[in-house]
Amino acid sequence: MTSTPTTHRVTTAALLLGGVVAANAAFIGLGATFDYPDILQQPAAHILERFEQTRSSTMAWFGLLAAGAALFGPAAVLTARLGTGRAARWSARAGVAAAAVQVIGLSRWFLLVPGYAEHATDPAASPVDRARAVADFETAHRLLGTVVGETLGYTLTALWTVLVLYAIGPTLSSRWLGPWGGLSAALILTGILVPLDLPGADLANFVGYLLWSLWLVALSIKLLRQQARAADALTDHREPAPRRVLDMAH
């Protein structure tokens, strides 16, 4: 059983909006309870201590953040079906990959970090064991966080955005969604420069994600409006013939 184009638009918009809402709600929650992302600038031992103090809420918020990222996988597949050509096919791959690497990177906070935090803050553990837990956390944070979740995540998210603009941009009939999406993609890509301590890169990346979230909302609204117009056109097309004759007679 295949879906209609209007069903695709509604489902795609719902997934995109769901991902945006979940990600931003989690980000706000983490900022309030875990001082995220500023806390990542602190020493690893302090991060683990703070995590242990807020374990339940922090794990829940990171779980929601990962769920929001995961929604972009199926959303990317459905978005690609609204376009044609090579750009559409590659946008699906880039979107699924972007969702996957972000979920992998974020999952360390509720799969690995709880164990590191428990050992690092255990007063009964030896100094060697506590130091080993801190070192293991730093390794996981560098590989799963900086390299996989962030660097690959930023790159693939920016690539997906550009490919989507090529794949479905002409069908959106909008002059401002293209430049808006392109700007947000460029700013998101500056995130790969953050580990190099380039001044302003972290702020540019943050602004990029903010603009990108708003762009996704605008894109979703555009798709829903197209669905509404298509539904109205379908209703007019299916209007019973006797009623048309009666209306003409009046």
Protein backbone atom coordinates (compact mmCIF):
# COMPACT_ATOMS: atom_id res chain seq x y z
CA MET A 1 0.00 0.00 0.00
CA THR A 2 1.49 3.34 -1.03
CA SER A 3 0.94 6.72 0.54
CA THR A 4 -0.43 9.68 -1.32
CA PRO A 5 1.68 12.83 -1.80
CA THR A 6 -0.53 14.67 0.68
CA THR A 7 0.00 11.94 3.27
CA HIS A 8 3.73 12.29 2.73
CA ARG A 9 3.54 16.02 3.36
CA VAL A 10 1.59 15.65 6.59
CA THR A 11 3.76 12.86 7.94
CA THR A 12 6.96 14.64 6.97
CA ALA A 13 5.82 17.85 8.63
CA ALA A 14 4.78 15.98 11.77
CA LEU A 15 8.16 14.24 12.04
CA LEU A 16 10.10 17.45 11.45
CA LEU A 17 8.04 19.38 13.99
CA GLY A 18 8.27 16.53 16.49
CA GLY A 19 12.05 16.47 16.16
CA VAL A 20 12.33 20.23 16.59
CA VAL A 21 10.07 20.31 19.64
CA ALA A 22 11.80 17.36 21.31
CA ALA A 23 15.31 18.65 20.64
CA ASN A 24 14.64 22.19 21.82
CA ALA A 25 12.69 21.08 24.90
CA ALA A 26 15.55 18.75 25.84
CA PHE A 27 18.13 21.46 25.24
CA ILE A 28 16.26 23.86 27.52
CA GLY A 29 15.83 21.15 30.16
CA LEU A 30 19.52 20.25 30.07
CA GLY A 31 20.47 23.89 30.38
CA ALA A 32 18.32 24.24 33.49
CA THR A 33 19.37 21.04 35.27
CA PHE A 34 22.84 20.23 33.95
CA ASP A 35 24.11 23.65 32.77
CA TYR A 36 24.50 22.14 29.30
CA PRO A 37 26.35 22.88 27.05
CA ASP A 38 28.48 25.32 29.11
CA ILE A 39 29.37 22.55 31.55
CA LEU A 40 31.33 20.81 28.80
CA GLN A 41 34.00 23.50 29.23
CA GLN A 42 34.60 22.33 32.80
CA PRO A 43 37.09 19.61 33.87
CA ALA A 44 35.89 16.06 33.28
CA ALA A 45 35.78 15.29 37.00
CA HIS A 46 33.44 18.21 37.61
CA ILE A 47 31.18 17.14 34.72
CA LEU A 48 30.87 13.65 36.18
CA GLU A 49 30.18 15.00 39.64
CA ARG A 50 27.42 17.24 38.32
CA PHE A 51 26.02 14.37 36.27
CA GLU A 52 25.85 12.15 39.34
CA GLN A 53 23.99 14.89 41.23
CA THR A 54 21.37 15.21 38.48
CA ARG A 55 21.52 11.67 37.09
CA SER A 56 17.81 10.92 36.58
CA SER A 57 16.78 14.23 35.04
CA THR A 58 19.93 14.55 32.92
CA MET A 59 19.55 11.04 31.51
CA ALA A 60 15.89 11.71 30.74
CA TRP A 61 16.66 14.96 28.92
CA PHE A 62 19.46 13.36 26.90
CA GLY A 63 17.09 10.52 26.06
CA LEU A 64 14.58 13.04 24.73
CA LEU A 65 17.32 14.82 22.80
CA ALA A 66 18.36 11.53 21.20
CA ALA A 67 14.73 10.72 20.37
CA GLY A 68 14.36 14.10 18.68
CA ALA A 69 17.49 13.43 16.62
CA ALA A 70 16.19 9.98 15.69
CA LEU A 71 13.01 11.45 14.22
CA PHE A 72 15.04 13.16 11.53
CA GLY A 73 15.92 9.79 10.03
CA PRO A 74 12.43 8.87 8.80
CA ALA A 75 11.74 12.56 8.18
CA ALA A 76 14.69 12.67 5.77
CA VAL A 77 13.40 9.62 3.90
CA LEU A 78 9.94 11.12 3.46
CA THR A 79 11.34 14.53 2.55
CA ALA A 80 13.37 12.90 -0.22
CA ARG A 81 10.20 11.35 -1.66
CA LEU A 82 8.81 14.83 -2.21
CA GLY A 83 11.65 15.55 -4.63
CA THR A 84 13.22 13.84 -7.61
CA GLY A 85 16.66 13.16 -8.97
CA ARG A 86 20.05 12.44 -7.45
CA ALA A 87 19.85 15.24 -4.88
CA ALA A 88 16.69 13.71 -3.40
CA ARG A 89 18.26 10.26 -3.12
CA TRP A 90 21.41 11.59 -1.51
CA SER A 91 19.42 13.80 0.85
CA ALA A 92 17.76 10.69 2.29
CA ARG A 93 21.13 9.06 2.89
CA ALA A 94 22.63 12.18 4.41
CA GLY A 95 19.62 12.72 6.66
CA VAL A 96 19.57 9.15 7.95
CA ALA A 97 23.33 9.28 8.54
CA ALA A 98 23.02 12.62 10.37
CA ALA A 99 20.34 11.21 12.63
CA ALA A 100 22.35 8.04 13.28
CA VAL A 101 25.61 9.73 14.27
CA GLN A 102 23.82 12.16 16.57
CA VAL A 103 21.91 9.36 18.29
CA ILE A 104 25.16 7.41 18.69
CA GLY A 105 26.91 10.44 20.14
CA LEU A 106 24.11 11.34 22.53
CA SER A 107 23.51 7.79 23.69
CA ARG A 108 26.76 7.82 25.66
CA TRP A 109 25.07 10.04 28.23
CA PHE A 110 22.60 7.34 29.26
CA LEU A 111 24.60 4.22 28.33
CA LEU A 112 28.20 4.93 29.31
CA VAL A 113 28.40 8.10 31.41
CA PRO A 114 26.29 6.76 34.34
CA GLY A 115 28.93 4.09 34.96
CA TYR A 116 31.79 6.56 34.63
CA ALA A 117 30.11 9.00 37.01
CA GLU A 118 29.37 6.31 39.58
CA HIS A 119 32.99 5.13 39.69
CA ALA A 120 34.48 8.63 39.51
CA THR A 121 32.45 9.87 42.49
CA ASP A 122 32.49 6.70 44.60
CA PRO A 123 34.28 7.57 47.88
CA ALA A 124 35.02 3.88 48.44
CA ALA A 125 36.87 3.58 45.11
CA SER A 126 40.61 3.95 44.96
CA PRO A 127 42.17 7.08 43.42
CA VAL A 128 43.39 4.93 40.54
CA ASP A 129 39.88 3.64 39.79
CA ARG A 130 38.41 7.13 39.97
CA ALA A 131 41.09 8.49 37.66
CA ARG A 132 40.49 5.64 35.22
CA ALA A 133 36.75 6.44 35.13
CA VAL A 134 37.52 10.10 34.38
CA ALA A 135 39.96 9.09 31.63
CA ASP A 136 37.42 6.70 30.10
CA PHE A 137 34.83 9.48 30.11
CA GLU A 138 37.23 11.84 28.36
CA THR A 139 37.93 9.23 25.68
CA ALA A 140 34.24 8.54 25.09
CA HIS A 141 33.47 12.26 25.06
CA ARG A 142 36.19 12.92 22.50
CA LEU A 143 35.34 10.04 20.17
CA LEU A 144 31.56 9.70 20.49
CA GLY A 145 30.88 13.34 21.30
CA THR A 146 33.33 15.57 19.46
CA VAL A 147 34.17 13.35 16.49
CA VAL A 148 30.97 11.36 15.87
CA GLY A 149 28.08 13.34 17.34
CA GLU A 150 29.37 16.82 16.65
CA THR A 151 31.84 16.93 13.76
CA LEU A 152 30.06 14.29 11.66
CA GLY A 153 26.68 15.47 12.90
CA TYR A 154 27.31 19.09 11.90
CA THR A 155 28.68 18.10 8.50
CA LEU A 156 25.87 15.71 7.62
CA THR A 157 23.15 18.05 8.90
CA ALA A 158 24.47 20.91 6.76
CA LEU A 159 24.80 18.57 3.77
CA TRP A 160 21.24 17.28 4.22
CA THR A 161 19.90 20.84 4.35
CA VAL A 162 21.63 21.85 1.11
CA LEU A 163 20.53 18.65 -0.67
CA VAL A 164 16.93 19.17 0.44
CA LEU A 165 16.99 22.69 -0.98
CA TYR A 166 18.14 21.30 -4.33
CA ALA A 167 15.71 18.37 -4.24
CA ILE A 168 12.44 20.04 -3.22
CA GLY A 169 13.26 23.74 -3.28
CA PRO A 170 11.63 24.35 -6.69
CA THR A 171 8.38 22.75 -5.50
CA LEU A 172 8.16 24.97 -2.42
CA SER A 173 7.56 28.16 -4.43
CA SER A 174 9.34 30.23 -1.81
CA ARG A 175 12.10 32.78 -2.32
CA TRP A 176 13.13 32.97 1.32
CA LEU A 177 13.27 29.31 2.41
CA GLY A 178 16.30 28.70 0.20
CA PRO A 179 18.57 31.50 1.50
CA TRP A 180 17.35 30.86 5.05
CA GLY A 181 18.23 27.17 4.87
CA GLY A 182 21.55 27.85 3.17
CA LEU A 183 22.58 30.36 5.82
CA SER A 184 21.65 28.03 8.67
CA ALA A 185 23.61 25.18 7.04
CA ALA A 186 26.70 27.35 6.68
CA LEU A 187 26.53 28.45 10.32
CA ILE A 188 25.98 24.90 11.55
CA LEU A 189 29.07 23.83 9.64
CA THR A 190 31.19 26.26 11.66
CA GLY A 191 30.75 23.81 14.54
CA ILE A 192 33.56 21.66 13.14
CA LEU A 193 35.90 24.54 14.00
CA VAL A 194 34.93 24.63 17.67
CA PRO A 195 37.55 22.04 18.74
CA LEU A 196 40.17 24.32 17.16
CA ASP A 197 39.14 27.11 19.58
CA LEU A 198 38.34 29.47 16.73
CA PRO A 199 36.78 32.61 18.28
CA GLY A 200 33.06 32.87 17.59
CA ALA A 201 32.68 29.38 16.12
CA ASP A 202 30.57 28.09 19.01
CA LEU A 203 28.28 31.13 18.87
CA ALA A 204 27.91 30.85 15.09
CA ASN A 205 27.06 27.17 15.45
CA PHE A 206 24.45 27.93 18.12
CA VAL A 207 22.85 30.65 15.97
CA GLY A 208 22.93 28.25 13.02
CA TYR A 209 20.99 25.59 14.90
CA LEU A 210 18.50 28.17 16.11
CA LEU A 211 17.89 29.39 12.56
CA TRP A 212 17.78 25.79 11.34
CA SER A 213 15.10 24.88 13.89
CA LEU A 214 12.99 27.84 12.78
CA TRP A 215 13.63 26.89 9.14
CA LEU A 216 12.34 23.37 9.81
CA VAL A 217 9.20 24.83 11.37
CA ALA A 218 8.70 27.10 8.36
CA LEU A 219 9.30 24.19 6.00
CA SER A 220 6.75 22.08 7.88
CA ILE A 221 4.16 24.85 7.71
CA LYS A 222 4.79 25.20 3.99
CA LEU A 223 4.24 21.46 3.48
CA LEU A 224 1.02 21.55 5.51
CA ARG A 225 -0.27 24.47 3.46
CA GLN A 226 0.48 22.60 0.27
CA GLN A 227 -1.40 19.62 1.65
CA ALA A 228 -4.39 21.80 2.50
CA ARG A 229 -4.47 23.27 -1.01
CA ALA A 230 -4.15 19.81 -2.57
CA ALA A 231 -6.98 18.52 -0.39
CA ASP A 232 -9.21 21.46 -1.38
CA ALA A 233 -8.46 20.87 -5.05
CA LEU A 234 -9.26 17.18 -4.69
CA THR A 235 -12.56 17.99 -2.96
CA ASP A 236 -13.56 20.40 -5.73
CA HIS A 237 -12.64 17.81 -8.35
CA ARG A 238 -14.80 15.15 -6.70
CA GLU A 239 -17.86 17.36 -6.26
CA PRO A 240 -20.95 15.37 -7.45
CA ALA A 241 -22.14 16.18 -10.94
CA PRO A 242 -25.86 16.56 -10.02
CA ARG A 243 -24.99 19.27 -7.51
CA ARG A 244 -23.01 21.14 -10.16
CA VAL A 245 -25.97 21.02 -12.53
CA LEU A 246 -28.28 22.23 -9.78
CA ASP A 247 -25.95 25.10 -8.96
CA MET A 248 -25.82 26.09 -12.62
CA ALA A 249 -29.58 26.04 -12.84
CA HIS A 250 -29.83 28.49 -9.97
